[in-house]
PDB file of N, CA and C in Angstrom:
ATOM      1  N   MET A   1      61.357  78.352 107.545  1.00  0.00           N
ATOM      2  CA  MET A   1      62.667  77.921 107.066  1.00  0.00           C
ATOM      3  C   MET A   1      63.676  78.112 108.201  1.00  0.00           C
ATOM      4  N   THR A   2      64.432  77.053 108.464  1.00  0.00           N
ATOM      5  CA  THR A   2      65.422  77.137 109.536  1.00  0.00           C
ATOM      6  C   THR A   2      66.625  77.957 109.085  1.00  0.00           C
ATOM      7  N   GLU A   3      67.423  78.382 110.048  1.00  0.00           N
ATOM      8  CA  GLU A   3      68.637  79.161 109.744  1.00  0.00           C
ATOM      9  C   GLU A   3      69.572  78.377 108.833  1.00  0.00           C
ATOM     10  N   ILE A   4      69.720  77.084 109.098  1.00  0.00           N
ATOM     11  CA  ILE A   4      70.608  76.243 108.286  1.00  0.00           C
ATOM     12  C   ILE A   4      70.057  76.102 106.879  1.00  0.00           C
ATOM     13  N   SER A   5      68.743  75.963 106.748  1.00  0.00           N
ATOM     14  CA  SER A   5      68.129  75.880 105.415  1.00  0.00           C
ATOM     15  C   SER A   5      68.336  77.179 104.647  1.00  0.00           C
ATOM     16  N   ARG A   6      68.197  78.292 105.351  1.00  0.00           N
ATOM     17  CA  ARG A   6      68.399  79.607 104.717  1.00  0.00           C
ATOM     18  C   ARG A   6      69.837  79.766 104.232  1.00  0.00           C
ATOM     19  N   ILE A   7      70.781  79.370 105.055  1.00  0.00           N
ATOM     20  CA  ILE A   7      72.203  79.445 104.674  1.00  0.00           C
ATOM     21  C   ILE A   7      72.476  78.532 103.482  1.00  0.00           C
ATOM     22  N   SER A   8      71.900  77.355 103.491  1.00  0.00           N
ATOM     23  CA  SER A   8      72.080  76.416 102.376  1.00  0.00           C
ATOM     24  C   SER A   8      71.520  77.003 101.087  1.00  0.00           C
ATOM     25  N   GLU A   9      70.368  77.640 101.159  1.00  0.00           N
ATOM     26  CA  GLU A   9      69.742  78.249  99.973  1.00  0.00           C
ATOM     27  C   GLU A   9      70.600  79.395  99.445  1.00  0.00           C
ATOM     28  N   ILE A  10      71.105  80.227 100.335  1.00  0.00           N
ATOM     29  CA  ILE A  10      71.990  81.332  99.928  1.00  0.00           C
ATOM     30  C   ILE A  10      73.239  80.773  99.254  1.00  0.00           C
ATOM     31  N   THR A  11      73.786  79.712  99.810  1.00  0.00           N
ATOM     32  CA  THR A  11      74.981  79.084  99.240  1.00  0.00           C
ATOM     33  C   THR A  11      74.700  78.552  97.841  1.00  0.00           C
ATOM     34  N   ARG A  12      73.557  77.876  97.662  1.00  0.00           N
ATOM     35  CA  ARG A  12      73.195  77.361  96.331  1.00  0.00           C
ATOM     36  C   ARG A  12      73.040  78.491  95.326  1.00  0.00           C
ATOM     37  N   ASN A  13      72.380  79.561  95.732  1.00  0.00           N
ATOM     38  CA  ASN A  13      72.187  80.710  94.836  1.00  0.00           C
ATOM     39  C   ASN A  13      73.517  81.359  94.468  1.00  0.00           C
ATOM     40  N   THR A  14      74.381  81.486  95.442  1.00  0.00           N
ATOM     41  CA  THR A  14      75.700  82.079  95.198  1.00  0.00           C
ATOM     42  C   THR A  14      76.500  81.229  94.215  1.00  0.00           C
ATOM     43  N   LEU A  15      76.507  79.932  94.425  1.00  0.00           N
ATOM     44  CA  LEU A  15      77.234  79.033  93.522  1.00  0.00           C
ATOM     45  C   LEU A  15      76.645  79.065  92.113  1.00  0.00           C
ATOM     46  N   SER A  16      75.331  79.176  92.017  1.00  0.00           N
ATOM     47  CA  SER A  16      74.685  79.264  90.711  1.00  0.00           C
ATOM     48  C   SER A  16      75.134  80.528  89.978  1.00  0.00           C
ATOM     49  N   LEU A  17      75.155  81.666  90.692  1.00  0.00           N
ATOM     50  CA  LEU A  17      75.618  82.920  90.083  1.00  0.00           C
ATOM     51  C   LEU A  17      77.082  82.834  89.674  1.00  0.00           C
ATOM     52  N   GLU A  18      77.901  82.244  90.523  1.00  0.00           N
ATOM     53  CA  GLU A  18      79.323  82.081  90.207  1.00  0.00           C
ATOM     54  C   GLU A  18      79.507  81.218  88.962  1.00  0.00           C
ATOM     55  N   THR A  19      78.726  80.149  88.856  1.00  0.00           N
ATOM     56  CA  THR A  19      78.806  79.262  87.698  1.00  0.00           C
ATOM     57  C   THR A  19      78.428  80.014  86.426  1.00  0.00           C
ATOM     58  N   GLN A  20      77.381  80.819  86.489  1.00  0.00           N
ATOM     59  CA  GLN A  20      76.971  81.603  85.323  1.00  0.00           C
ATOM     60  C   GLN A  20      78.052  82.605  84.932  1.00  0.00           C
ATOM     61  N   SER A  21      78.646  83.256  85.930  1.00  0.00           N
ATOM     62  CA  SER A  21      79.704  84.230  85.658  1.00  0.00           C
ATOM     63  C   SER A  21      80.914  83.569  85.020  1.00  0.00           C
ATOM     64  N   LEU A  22      81.280  82.407  85.511  1.00  0.00           N
ATOM     65  CA  LEU A  22      82.420  81.685  84.934  1.00  0.00           C
ATOM     66  C   LEU A  22      82.142  81.275  83.492  1.00  0.00           C
ATOM     67  N   GLU A  23      80.924  80.886  83.216  1.00  0.00           N
ATOM     68  CA  GLU A  23      80.559  80.517  81.849  1.00  0.00           C
ATOM     69  C   GLU A  23      80.666  81.724  80.915  1.00  0.00           C
ATOM     70  N   LEU A  24      80.263  82.889  81.386  1.00  0.00           N
ATOM     71  CA  LEU A  24      80.402  84.104  80.582  1.00  0.00           C
ATOM     72  C   LEU A  24      81.870  84.439  80.329  1.00  0.00           C
ATOM     73  N   LEU A  25      82.707  84.249  81.320  1.00  0.00           N
ATOM     74  CA  LEU A  25      84.138  84.533  81.168  1.00  0.00           C
ATOM     75  C   LEU A  25      84.820  83.551  80.211  1.00  0.00           C
ATOM     76  N   ARG A  26      84.310  82.333  80.175  1.00  0.00           N
ATOM     77  CA  ARG A  26      84.915  81.285  79.344  1.00  0.00           C
ATOM     78  C   ARG A  26      85.043  81.714  77.888  1.00  0.00           C
ATOM     79  N   VAL A  27      84.091  82.476  77.379  1.00  0.00           N
ATOM     80  CA  VAL A  27      84.128  82.882  75.970  1.00  0.00           C
ATOM     81  C   VAL A  27      85.262  83.868  75.689  1.00  0.00           C
ATOM     82  N   PHE A  28      85.787  84.508  76.734  1.00  0.00           N
ATOM     83  CA  PHE A  28      86.870  85.467  76.538  1.00  0.00           C
ATOM     84  C   PHE A  28      88.247  84.812  76.501  1.00  0.00           C
ATOM     85  N   ILE A  29      88.306  83.520  76.751  1.00  0.00           N
ATOM     86  CA  ILE A  29      89.584  82.817  76.652  1.00  0.00           C
ATOM     87  C   ILE A  29      89.754  82.423  75.193  1.00  0.00           C
ATOM     88  N   ASN A  30      90.379  83.343  74.462  1.00  0.00           N
ATOM     89  CA  ASN A  30      90.567  83.164  73.025  1.00  0.00           C
ATOM     90  C   ASN A  30      92.027  83.405  72.663  1.00  0.00           C
ATOM     91  N   LYS A  31      92.287  83.576  71.388  1.00  0.00           N
ATOM     92  CA  LYS A  31      93.669  83.760  70.907  1.00  0.00           C
ATOM     93  C   LYS A  31      94.302  85.013  71.536  1.00  0.00           C
ATOM     94  N   ARG A  32      93.545  86.104  71.649  1.00  0.00           N
ATOM     95  CA  ARG A  32      94.083  87.339  72.236  1.00  0.00           C
ATOM     96  C   ARG A  32      94.470  87.108  73.705  1.00  0.00           C
ATOM     97  N   PHE A  33      93.648  86.376  74.426  1.00  0.00           N
ATOM     98  CA  PHE A  33      93.942  86.031  75.815  1.00  0.00           C
ATOM     99  C   PHE A  33      95.247  85.243  75.880  1.00  0.00           C
ATOM    100  N   GLU A  34      95.413  84.287  74.983  1.00  0.00           N
ATOM    101  CA  GLU A  34      96.636  83.482  74.954  1.00  0.00           C
ATOM    102  C   GLU A  34      97.860  84.342  74.670  1.00  0.00           C
ATOM    103  N   GLN A  35      97.715  85.352  73.796  1.00  0.00           N
ATOM    104  CA  GLN A  35      98.833  86.258  73.509  1.00  0.00           C
ATOM    105  C   GLN A  35      99.225  87.045  74.761  1.00  0.00           C
ATOM    106  N   ILE A  36      98.242  87.500  75.498  1.00  0.00           N
ATOM    107  CA  ILE A  36      98.507  88.254  76.724  1.00  0.00           C
ATOM    108  C   ILE A  36      99.184  87.366  77.760  1.00  0.00           C
ATOM    109  N   VAL A  37      98.683  86.150  77.911  1.00  0.00           N
ATOM    110  CA  VAL A  37      99.298  85.213  78.858  1.00  0.00           C
ATOM    111  C   VAL A  37     100.743  84.944  78.454  1.00  0.00           C
ATOM    112  N   HIS A  38     100.990  84.803  77.164  1.00  0.00           N
ATOM    113  CA  HIS A  38     102.353  84.575  76.670  1.00  0.00           C
ATOM    114  C   HIS A  38     103.267  85.755  77.037  1.00  0.00           C
ATOM    115  N   LEU A  39     102.787  86.987  76.853  1.00  0.00           N
ATOM    116  CA  LEU A  39     103.585  88.173  77.203  1.00  0.00           C
ATOM    117  C   LEU A  39     103.895  88.207  78.703  1.00  0.00           C
ATOM    118  N   ILE A  40     102.891  87.908  79.514  1.00  0.00           N
ATOM    119  CA  ILE A  40     103.104  87.892  80.963  1.00  0.00           C
ATOM    120  C   ILE A  40     104.113  86.814  81.334  1.00  0.00           C
ATOM    121  N   HIS A  41     103.973  85.651  80.721  1.00  0.00           N
ATOM    122  CA  HIS A  41     104.886  84.537  81.003  1.00  0.00           C
ATOM    123  C   HIS A  41     106.324  84.902  80.632  1.00  0.00           C
ATOM    124  N   GLN A  42     106.505  85.614  79.531  1.00  0.00           N
ATOM    125  CA  GLN A  42     107.845  86.014  79.083  1.00  0.00           C
ATOM    126  C   GLN A  42     108.464  87.091  79.965  1.00  0.00           C
ATOM    127  N   SER A  43     107.655  87.806  80.748  1.00  0.00           N
ATOM    128  CA  SER A  43     108.180  88.917  81.547  1.00  0.00           C
ATOM    129  C   SER A  43     109.032  88.444  82.718  1.00  0.00           C
ATOM    130  N   ASN A  44     108.987  87.142  83.059  1.00  0.00           N
ATOM    131  CA  ASN A  44     109.810  86.572  84.137  1.00  0.00           C
ATOM    132  C   ASN A  44     109.708  87.351  85.437  1.00  0.00           C
ATOM    133  N   GLY A  45     108.501  87.713  85.818  1.00  0.00           N
ATOM    134  CA  GLY A  45     108.305  88.394  87.094  1.00  0.00           C
ATOM    135  C   GLY A  45     108.510  89.887  87.043  1.00  0.00           C
ATOM    136  N   LYS A  46     108.856  90.419  85.898  1.00  0.00           N
ATOM    137  CA  LYS A  46     109.021  91.863  85.775  1.00  0.00           C
ATOM    138  C   LYS A  46     107.651  92.492  85.574  1.00  0.00           C
ATOM    139  N   VAL A  47     107.571  93.785  85.816  1.00  0.00           N
ATOM    140  CA  VAL A  47     106.314  94.490  85.641  1.00  0.00           C
ATOM    141  C   VAL A  47     106.027  94.644  84.162  1.00  0.00           C
ATOM    142  N   LEU A  48     104.802  94.366  83.787  1.00  0.00           N
ATOM    143  CA  LEU A  48     104.382  94.499  82.403  1.00  0.00           C
ATOM    144  C   LEU A  48     103.283  95.547  82.364  1.00  0.00           C
ATOM    145  N   LEU A  49     103.543  96.673  81.698  1.00  0.00           N
ATOM    146  CA  LEU A  49     102.566  97.740  81.593  1.00  0.00           C
ATOM    147  C   LEU A  49     102.240  97.958  80.128  1.00  0.00           C
ATOM    148  N   ILE A  50     100.950  97.985  79.831  1.00  0.00           N
ATOM    149  CA  ILE A  50     100.516  98.155  78.452  1.00  0.00           C
ATOM    150  C   ILE A  50      99.511  99.286  78.414  1.00  0.00           C
ATOM    151  N   GLY A  51      99.575 100.104  77.390  1.00  0.00           N
ATOM    152  CA  GLY A  51      98.592 101.163  77.224  1.00  0.00           C
ATOM    153  C   GLY A  51      98.653 101.711  75.815  1.00  0.00           C
ATOM    154  N   VAL A  52      97.592 102.393  75.416  1.00  0.00           N
ATOM    155  CA  VAL A  52      97.507 103.013  74.101  1.00  0.00           C
ATOM    156  C   VAL A  52      97.286 104.502  74.299  1.00  0.00           C
ATOM    157  N   GLY A  53      97.900 105.325  73.451  1.00  0.00           N
ATOM    158  CA  GLY A  53      97.726 106.775  73.560  1.00  0.00           C
ATOM    159  C   GLY A  53      98.317 107.296  74.849  1.00  0.00           C
ATOM    160  N   LYS A  54      97.531 108.112  75.556  1.00  0.00           N
ATOM    161  CA  LYS A  54      97.995 108.673  76.830  1.00  0.00           C
ATOM    162  C   LYS A  54      98.332 107.570  77.822  1.00  0.00           C
ATOM    163  N   SER A  55      97.537 106.520  77.825  1.00  0.00           N
ATOM    164  CA  SER A  55      97.795 105.410  78.746  1.00  0.00           C
ATOM    165  C   SER A  55      99.151 104.769  78.459  1.00  0.00           C
ATOM    166  N   GLY A  56      99.500 104.651  77.173  1.00  0.00           N
ATOM    167  CA  GLY A  56     100.792 104.086  76.798  1.00  0.00           C
ATOM    168  C   GLY A  56     101.943 104.957  77.260  1.00  0.00           C
ATOM    169  N   ILE A  57     101.790 106.257  77.120  1.00  0.00           N
ATOM    170  CA  ILE A  57     102.822 107.195  77.578  1.00  0.00           C
ATOM    171  C   ILE A  57     102.951 107.102  79.097  1.00  0.00           C
ATOM    172  N   GLY A  58     101.807 107.058  79.778  1.00  0.00           N
ATOM    173  CA  GLY A  58     101.828 106.910  81.234  1.00  0.00           C
ATOM    174  C   GLY A  58     102.498 105.615  81.656  1.00  0.00           C
ATOM    175  N   ALA A  59     102.196 104.534  80.939  1.00  0.00           N
ATOM    176  CA  ALA A  59     102.798 103.232  81.263  1.00  0.00           C
ATOM    177  C   ALA A  59     104.317 103.293  81.103  1.00  0.00           C
ATOM    178  N   MET A  60     104.787 103.961  80.045  1.00  0.00           N
ATOM    179  CA  MET A  60     106.244 104.077  79.844  1.00  0.00           C
ATOM    180  C   MET A  60     106.886 104.868  80.971  1.00  0.00           C
ATOM    181  N   LYS A  61     106.243 105.950  81.404  1.00  0.00           N
ATOM    182  CA  LYS A  61     106.791 106.757  82.502  1.00  0.00           C
ATOM    183  C   LYS A  61     106.830 105.959  83.800  1.00  0.00           C
ATOM    184  N   ILE A  62     105.757 105.226  84.069  1.00  0.00           N
ATOM    185  CA  ILE A  62     105.726 104.403  85.286  1.00  0.00           C
ATOM    186  C   ILE A  62     106.824 103.356  85.234  1.00  0.00           C
ATOM    187  N   ALA A  63     106.974 102.690  84.094  1.00  0.00           N
ATOM    188  CA  ALA A  63     108.001 101.651  83.961  1.00  0.00           C
ATOM    189  C   ALA A  63     109.390 102.233  84.177  1.00  0.00           C
ATOM    190  N   ASP A  64     109.649 103.430  83.602  1.00  0.00           N
ATOM    191  CA  ASP A  64     110.951 104.077  83.799  1.00  0.00           C
ATOM    192  C   ASP A  64     111.189 104.369  85.270  1.00  0.00           C
ATOM    193  N   ASN A  65     110.162 104.887  85.953  1.00  0.00           N
ATOM    194  CA  ASN A  65     110.307 105.220  87.373  1.00  0.00           C
ATOM    195  C   ASN A  65     110.504 103.977  88.223  1.00  0.00           C
ATOM    196  N   ILE A  66     109.744 102.927  87.949  1.00  0.00           N
ATOM    197  CA  ILE A  66     109.858 101.698  88.737  1.00  0.00           C
ATOM    198  C   ILE A  66     111.251 101.102  88.595  1.00  0.00           C
ATOM    199  N   SER A  67     111.796 101.138  87.407  1.00  0.00           N
ATOM    200  CA  SER A  67     113.108 100.522  87.188  1.00  0.00           C
ATOM    201  C   SER A  67     114.222 101.269  87.916  1.00  0.00           C
ATOM    202  N   GLN A  68     113.964 102.498  88.327  1.00  0.00           N
ATOM    203  CA  GLN A  68     114.976 103.295  89.015  1.00  0.00           C
ATOM    204  C   GLN A  68     114.785 103.330  90.534  1.00  0.00           C
ATOM    205  N   LEU A  69     113.701 102.737  91.031  1.00  0.00           N
ATOM    206  CA  LEU A  69     113.428 102.783  92.469  1.00  0.00           C
ATOM    207  C   LEU A  69     114.421 101.958  93.272  1.00  0.00           C
ATOM    208  N   LYS A  70     114.808 102.498  94.415  1.00  0.00           N
ATOM    209  CA  LYS A  70     115.637 101.770  95.372  1.00  0.00           C
ATOM    210  C   LYS A  70     114.756 101.452  96.578  1.00  0.00           C
ATOM    211  N   ALA A  71     115.164 100.488  97.350  1.00  0.00           N
ATOM    212  CA  ALA A  71     114.403 100.139  98.555  1.00  0.00           C
ATOM    213  C   ALA A  71     114.261 101.352  99.469  1.00  0.00           C
ATOM    214  N   SER A  72     115.281 102.184  99.537  1.00  0.00           N
ATOM    215  CA  SER A  72     115.232 103.366 100.406  1.00  0.00           C
ATOM    216  C   SER A  72     114.182 104.378  99.950  1.00  0.00           C
ATOM    217  N   ASP A  73     113.803 104.328  98.655  1.00  0.00           N
ATOM    218  CA  ASP A  73     112.741 105.212  98.170  1.00  0.00           C
ATOM    219  C   ASP A  73     111.378 104.803  98.713  1.00  0.00           C
ATOM    220  N   LEU A  74     111.242 103.552  99.116  1.00  0.00           N
ATOM    221  CA  LEU A  74     109.951 103.018  99.560  1.00  0.00           C
ATOM    222  C   LEU A  74     109.874 102.788 101.060  1.00  0.00           C
ATOM    223  N   MET A  75     110.989 102.910 101.748  1.00  0.00           N
ATOM    224  CA  MET A  75     111.018 102.574 103.169  1.00  0.00           C
ATOM    225  C   MET A  75     110.253 103.589 104.008  1.00  0.00           C
ATOM    226  N   THR A  76     109.856 103.163 105.189  1.00  0.00           N
ATOM    227  CA  THR A  76     109.269 104.066 106.167  1.00  0.00           C
ATOM    228  C   THR A  76     110.420 104.784 106.842  1.00  0.00           C
ATOM    229  N   LYS A  77     110.477 106.103 106.664  1.00  0.00           N
ATOM    230  CA  LYS A  77     111.641 106.853 107.128  1.00  0.00           C
ATOM    231  C   LYS A  77     111.653 107.072 108.639  1.00  0.00           C
ATOM    232  N   ASN A  78     110.503 107.193 109.248  1.00  0.00           N
ATOM    233  CA  ASN A  78     110.419 107.404 110.694  1.00  0.00           C
ATOM    234  C   ASN A  78     109.427 106.405 111.287  1.00  0.00           C
ATOM    235  N   PRO A  79     109.829 105.146 111.402  1.00  0.00           N
ATOM    236  CA  PRO A  79     108.887 104.139 111.900  1.00  0.00           C
ATOM    237  C   PRO A  79     108.540 104.400 113.366  1.00  0.00           C
ATOM    238  N   ILE A  80     107.371 103.971 113.732  1.00  0.00           N
ATOM    239  CA  ILE A  80     106.935 104.106 115.125  1.00  0.00           C
ATOM    240  C   ILE A  80     107.568 102.973 115.919  1.00  0.00           C
ATOM    241  N   CYS A  81     108.227 103.343 117.010  1.00  0.00           N
ATOM    242  CA  CYS A  81     108.918 102.373 117.851  1.00  0.00           C
ATOM    243  C   CYS A  81     108.186 102.244 119.188  1.00  0.00           C
ATOM    244  N   ILE A  82     108.179 101.033 119.710  1.00  0.00           N
ATOM    245  CA  ILE A  82     107.597 100.800 121.032  1.00  0.00           C
ATOM    246  C   ILE A  82     108.576  99.984 121.868  1.00  0.00           C
ATOM    247  N   ASP A  83     108.451 100.111 123.171  1.00  0.00           N
ATOM    248  CA  ASP A  83     109.303  99.361 124.084  1.00  0.00           C
ATOM    249  C   ASP A  83     108.898  97.891 124.081  1.00  0.00           C
ATOM    250  N   GLN A  84     109.882  97.034 124.215  1.00  0.00           N
ATOM    251  CA  GLN A  84     109.645  95.588 124.191  1.00  0.00           C
ATOM    252  C   GLN A  84     108.709  95.107 125.295  1.00  0.00           C
ATOM    253  N   ASN A  85     108.523  95.899 126.344  1.00  0.00           N
ATOM    254  CA  ASN A  85     107.671  95.498 127.463  1.00  0.00           C
ATOM    255  C   ASN A  85     106.224  95.969 127.321  1.00  0.00           C
ATOM    256  N   LEU A  86     105.914  96.698 126.261  1.00  0.00           N
ATOM    257  CA  LEU A  86     104.534  97.130 126.041  1.00  0.00           C
ATOM    258  C   LEU A  86     103.671  95.898 125.808  1.00  0.00           C
ATOM    259  N   LEU A  87     102.498  95.866 126.412  1.00  0.00           N
ATOM    260  CA  LEU A  87     101.602  94.729 126.251  1.00  0.00           C
ATOM    261  C   LEU A  87     101.137  94.621 124.800  1.00  0.00           C
ATOM    262  N   ALA A  88     100.968  93.389 124.345  1.00  0.00           N
ATOM    263  CA  ALA A  88     100.613  93.133 122.948  1.00  0.00           C
ATOM    264  C   ALA A  88      99.310  93.814 122.561  1.00  0.00           C
ATOM    265  N   PHE A  89      98.296  93.778 123.453  1.00  0.00           N
ATOM    266  CA  PHE A  89      97.022  94.399 123.081  1.00  0.00           C
ATOM    267  C   PHE A  89      97.173  95.916 122.939  1.00  0.00           C
ATOM    268  N   GLU A  90      98.095  96.528 123.692  1.00  0.00           N
ATOM    269  CA  GLU A  90      98.354  97.960 123.556  1.00  0.00           C
ATOM    270  C   GLU A  90      99.037  98.253 122.216  1.00  0.00           C
ATOM    271  N   ALA A  91      99.934  97.357 121.797  1.00  0.00           N
ATOM    272  CA  ALA A  91     100.576  97.506 120.496  1.00  0.00           C
ATOM    273  C   ALA A  91      99.535  97.422 119.379  1.00  0.00           C
ATOM    274  N   LEU A  92      98.607  96.479 119.503  1.00  0.00           N
ATOM    275  CA  LEU A  92      97.549  96.325 118.505  1.00  0.00           C
ATOM    276  C   LEU A  92      96.673  97.570 118.443  1.00  0.00           C
ATOM    277  N   LYS A  93      96.303  98.112 119.612  1.00  0.00           N
ATOM    278  CA  LYS A  93      95.495  99.334 119.633  1.00  0.00           C
ATOM    279  C   LYS A  93      96.233 100.488 118.958  1.00  0.00           C
ATOM    280  N   MET A  94      97.530 100.574 119.195  1.00  0.00           N
ATOM    281  CA  MET A  94      98.323 101.629 118.576  1.00  0.00           C
ATOM    282  C   MET A  94      98.305 101.479 117.058  1.00  0.00           C
ATOM    283  N   MET A  95      98.473 100.244 116.577  1.00  0.00           N
ATOM    284  CA  MET A  95      98.441 100.006 115.129  1.00  0.00           C
ATOM    285  C   MET A  95      97.091 100.401 114.545  1.00  0.00           C
ATOM    286  N   GLN A  96      96.023 100.048 115.250  1.00  0.00           N
ATOM    287  CA  GLN A  96      94.685 100.385 114.763  1.00  0.00           C
ATOM    288  C   GLN A  96      94.472 101.893 114.746  1.00  0.00           C
ATOM    289  N   ASN A  97      94.889 102.573 115.800  1.00  0.00           N
ATOM    290  CA  ASN A  97      94.717 104.029 115.874  1.00  0.00           C
ATOM    291  C   ASN A  97      95.525 104.767 114.818  1.00  0.00           C
ATOM    292  N   LYS A  98      96.720 104.291 114.555  1.00  0.00           N
ATOM    293  CA  LYS A  98      97.602 104.953 113.593  1.00  0.00           C
ATOM    294  C   LYS A  98      97.424 104.420 112.171  1.00  0.00           C
ATOM    295  N   LYS A  99      96.574 103.378 112.043  1.00  0.00           N
ATOM    296  CA  LYS A  99      96.321 102.741 110.744  1.00  0.00           C
ATOM    297  C   LYS A  99      97.620 102.264 110.085  1.00  0.00           C
ATOM    298  N   ILE A 100      98.404 101.515 110.886  1.00  0.00           N
ATOM    299  CA  ILE A 100      99.660 100.944 110.402  1.00  0.00           C
ATOM    300  C   ILE A 100      99.648  99.439 110.635  1.00  0.00           C
ATOM    301  N   ASN A 101     100.560  98.726 109.988  1.00  0.00           N
ATOM    302  CA  ASN A 101     100.591  97.266 110.068  1.00  0.00           C
ATOM    303  C   ASN A 101     101.758  96.712 110.870  1.00  0.00           C
ATOM    304  N   HIS A 102     102.713  97.556 111.213  1.00  0.00           N
ATOM    305  CA  HIS A 102     103.877  97.041 111.929  1.00  0.00           C
ATOM    306  C   HIS A 102     104.438  98.098 112.877  1.00  0.00           C
ATOM    307  N   LEU A 103     105.176  97.616 113.871  1.00  0.00           N
ATOM    308  CA  LEU A 103     105.862  98.482 114.824  1.00  0.00           C
ATOM    309  C   LEU A 103     107.272  97.960 115.022  1.00  0.00           C
ATOM    310  N   VAL A 104     108.209  98.873 115.205  1.00  0.00           N
ATOM    311  CA  VAL A 104     109.581  98.491 115.533  1.00  0.00           C
ATOM    312  C   VAL A 104     109.654  98.336 117.045  1.00  0.00           C
ATOM    313  N   ILE A 105     110.223  97.224 117.488  1.00  0.00           N
ATOM    314  CA  ILE A 105     110.352  96.944 118.916  1.00  0.00           C
ATOM    315  C   ILE A 105     111.768  97.306 119.355  1.00  0.00           C
ATOM    316  N   THR A 106     111.847  98.074 120.448  1.00  0.00           N
ATOM    317  CA  THR A 106     113.157  98.467 120.966  1.00  0.00           C
ATOM    318  C   THR A 106     113.294  98.041 122.418  1.00  0.00           C
ATOM    319  N   GLY A 107     114.540  97.867 122.828  1.00  0.00           N
ATOM    320  CA  GLY A 107     114.843  97.494 124.208  1.00  0.00           C
ATOM    321  C   GLY A 107     115.524  98.639 124.931  1.00  0.00           C
ATOM    322  N   LYS A 108     116.225  98.287 125.985  1.00  0.00           N
ATOM    323  CA  LYS A 108     116.940  99.274 126.799  1.00  0.00           C
ATOM    324  C   LYS A 108     117.882 100.088 125.923  1.00  0.00           C
ATOM    325  N   GLY A 109     117.876 101.395 126.100  1.00  0.00           N
ATOM    326  CA  GLY A 109     118.728 102.266 125.311  1.00  0.00           C
ATOM    327  C   GLY A 109     118.227 102.456 123.888  1.00  0.00           C
ATOM    328  N   ASN A 110     116.951 102.158 123.657  1.00  0.00           N
ATOM    329  CA  ASN A 110     116.334 102.292 122.337  1.00  0.00           C
ATOM    330  C   ASN A 110     117.020 101.426 121.282  1.00  0.00           C
ATOM    331  N   ILE A 111     117.562 100.281 121.713  1.00  0.00           N
ATOM    332  CA  ILE A 111     118.242  99.350 120.812  1.00  0.00           C
ATOM    333  C   ILE A 111     117.203  98.515 120.067  1.00  0.00           C
ATOM    334  N   TYR A 112     117.380  98.407 118.756  1.00  0.00           N
ATOM    335  CA  TYR A 112     116.473  97.626 117.912  1.00  0.00           C
ATOM    336  C   TYR A 112     116.424  96.177 118.374  1.00  0.00           C
ATOM    337  N   LYS A 113     115.212  95.664 118.554  1.00  0.00           N
ATOM    338  CA  LYS A 113     115.022  94.263 118.936  1.00  0.00           C
ATOM    339  C   LYS A 113     114.319  93.466 117.842  1.00  0.00           C
ATOM    340  N   GLY A 114     113.435  94.115 117.098  1.00  0.00           N
ATOM    341  CA  GLY A 114     112.705  93.408 116.056  1.00  0.00           C
ATOM    342  C   GLY A 114     111.514  94.206 115.571  1.00  0.00           C
ATOM    343  N   ILE A 115     110.648  93.526 114.828  1.00  0.00           N
ATOM    344  CA  ILE A 115     109.447  94.135 114.274  1.00  0.00           C
ATOM    345  C   ILE A 115     108.278  93.218 114.586  1.00  0.00           C
ATOM    346  N   VAL A 116     107.155  93.809 114.938  1.00  0.00           N
ATOM    347  CA  VAL A 116     105.931  93.031 115.116  1.00  0.00           C
ATOM    348  C   VAL A 116     104.928  93.525 114.069  1.00  0.00           C
ATOM    349  N   HIS A 117     104.300  92.575 113.398  1.00  0.00           N
ATOM    350  CA  HIS A 117     103.299  92.869 112.378  1.00  0.00           C
ATOM    351  C   HIS A 117     101.927  92.577 112.965  1.00  0.00           C
ATOM    352  N   VAL A 118     100.931  93.296 112.512  1.00  0.00           N
ATOM    353  CA  VAL A 118      99.575  93.107 113.015  1.00  0.00           C
ATOM    354  C   VAL A 118      99.133  91.646 112.887  1.00  0.00           C
ATOM    355  N   LEU A 119      99.578  90.951 111.841  1.00  0.00           N
ATOM    356  CA  LEU A 119      99.198  89.548 111.666  1.00  0.00           C
ATOM    357  C   LEU A 119      99.807  88.657 112.747  1.00  0.00           C
ATOM    358  N   ASN A 120     100.980  89.044 113.275  1.00  0.00           N
ATOM    359  CA  ASN A 120     101.554  88.294 114.390  1.00  0.00           C
ATOM    360  C   ASN A 120     100.622  88.350 115.601  1.00  0.00           C
ATOM    361  N   LEU A 121     100.059  89.512 115.837  1.00  0.00           N
ATOM    362  CA  LEU A 121      99.175  89.700 116.976  1.00  0.00           C
ATOM    363  C   LEU A 121      97.849  88.977 116.769  1.00  0.00           C
ATOM    364  N   ILE A 122      97.310  89.069 115.574  1.00  0.00           N
ATOM    365  CA  ILE A 122      96.042  88.398 115.278  1.00  0.00           C
ATOM    366  C   ILE A 122      96.207  86.895 115.386  1.00  0.00           C
ATOM    367  N   LYS A 123      97.355  86.387 114.894  1.00  0.00           N
ATOM    368  CA  LYS A 123      97.624  84.948 114.968  1.00  0.00           C
ATOM    369  C   LYS A 123      97.631  84.449 116.414  1.00  0.00           C
ATOM    370  N   GLU A 124      98.028  85.310 117.330  1.00  0.00           N
ATOM    371  CA  GLU A 124      98.067  84.939 118.749  1.00  0.00           C
ATOM    372  C   GLU A 124      96.712  85.119 119.428  1.00  0.00           C
ATOM    373  N   GLY A 125      95.710  85.531 118.657  1.00  0.00           N
ATOM    374  CA  GLY A 125      94.359  85.614 119.212  1.00  0.00           C
ATOM    375  C   GLY A 125      93.898  87.002 119.572  1.00  0.00           C
ATOM    376  N   LEU A 126      94.722  88.013 119.327  1.00  0.00           N
ATOM    377  CA  LEU A 126      94.298  89.391 119.593  1.00  0.00           C
ATOM    378  C   LEU A 126      93.580  89.910 118.365  1.00  0.00           C
ATOM    379  N   ASP A 127      92.443  90.565 118.571  1.00  0.00           N
ATOM    380  CA  ASP A 127      91.741  91.117 117.421  1.00  0.00           C
ATOM    381  C   ASP A 127      91.219  92.518 117.663  1.00  0.00           C
ATOM    382  N   GLY A 128      91.660  93.134 118.734  1.00  0.00           N
ATOM    383  CA  GLY A 128      91.288  94.515 119.003  1.00  0.00           C
ATOM    384  C   GLY A 128      89.944  94.619 119.615  1.00  0.00           C
TER     385      GLY A 128
END
């Protein structure tokens, strides 16, 4: 069997399994599913948390906390800054080592210049 034939066979098997799984899921699209979709649709982009018993109490606490969050509660308080002249591949290595997705770029006098995201670097062909 050639490599292409093997890949084709794996693809057919995968699609067959996916088709079977979708057929099993189809039976769960019932009136209860429609009620849940209706609730989500009515939430207009707000968080919808549902739970029973302890889970319900937890959901209420989470909802209360989320509604009180400010952007400053979620911000990175001490972002890692790099000089604008640092080579892009060095910036990528730093992100990988520190397990972060972005770096603040600074210029002369530590003046803010911008932010670089790991996806910006990958888009330019860097992959570490």
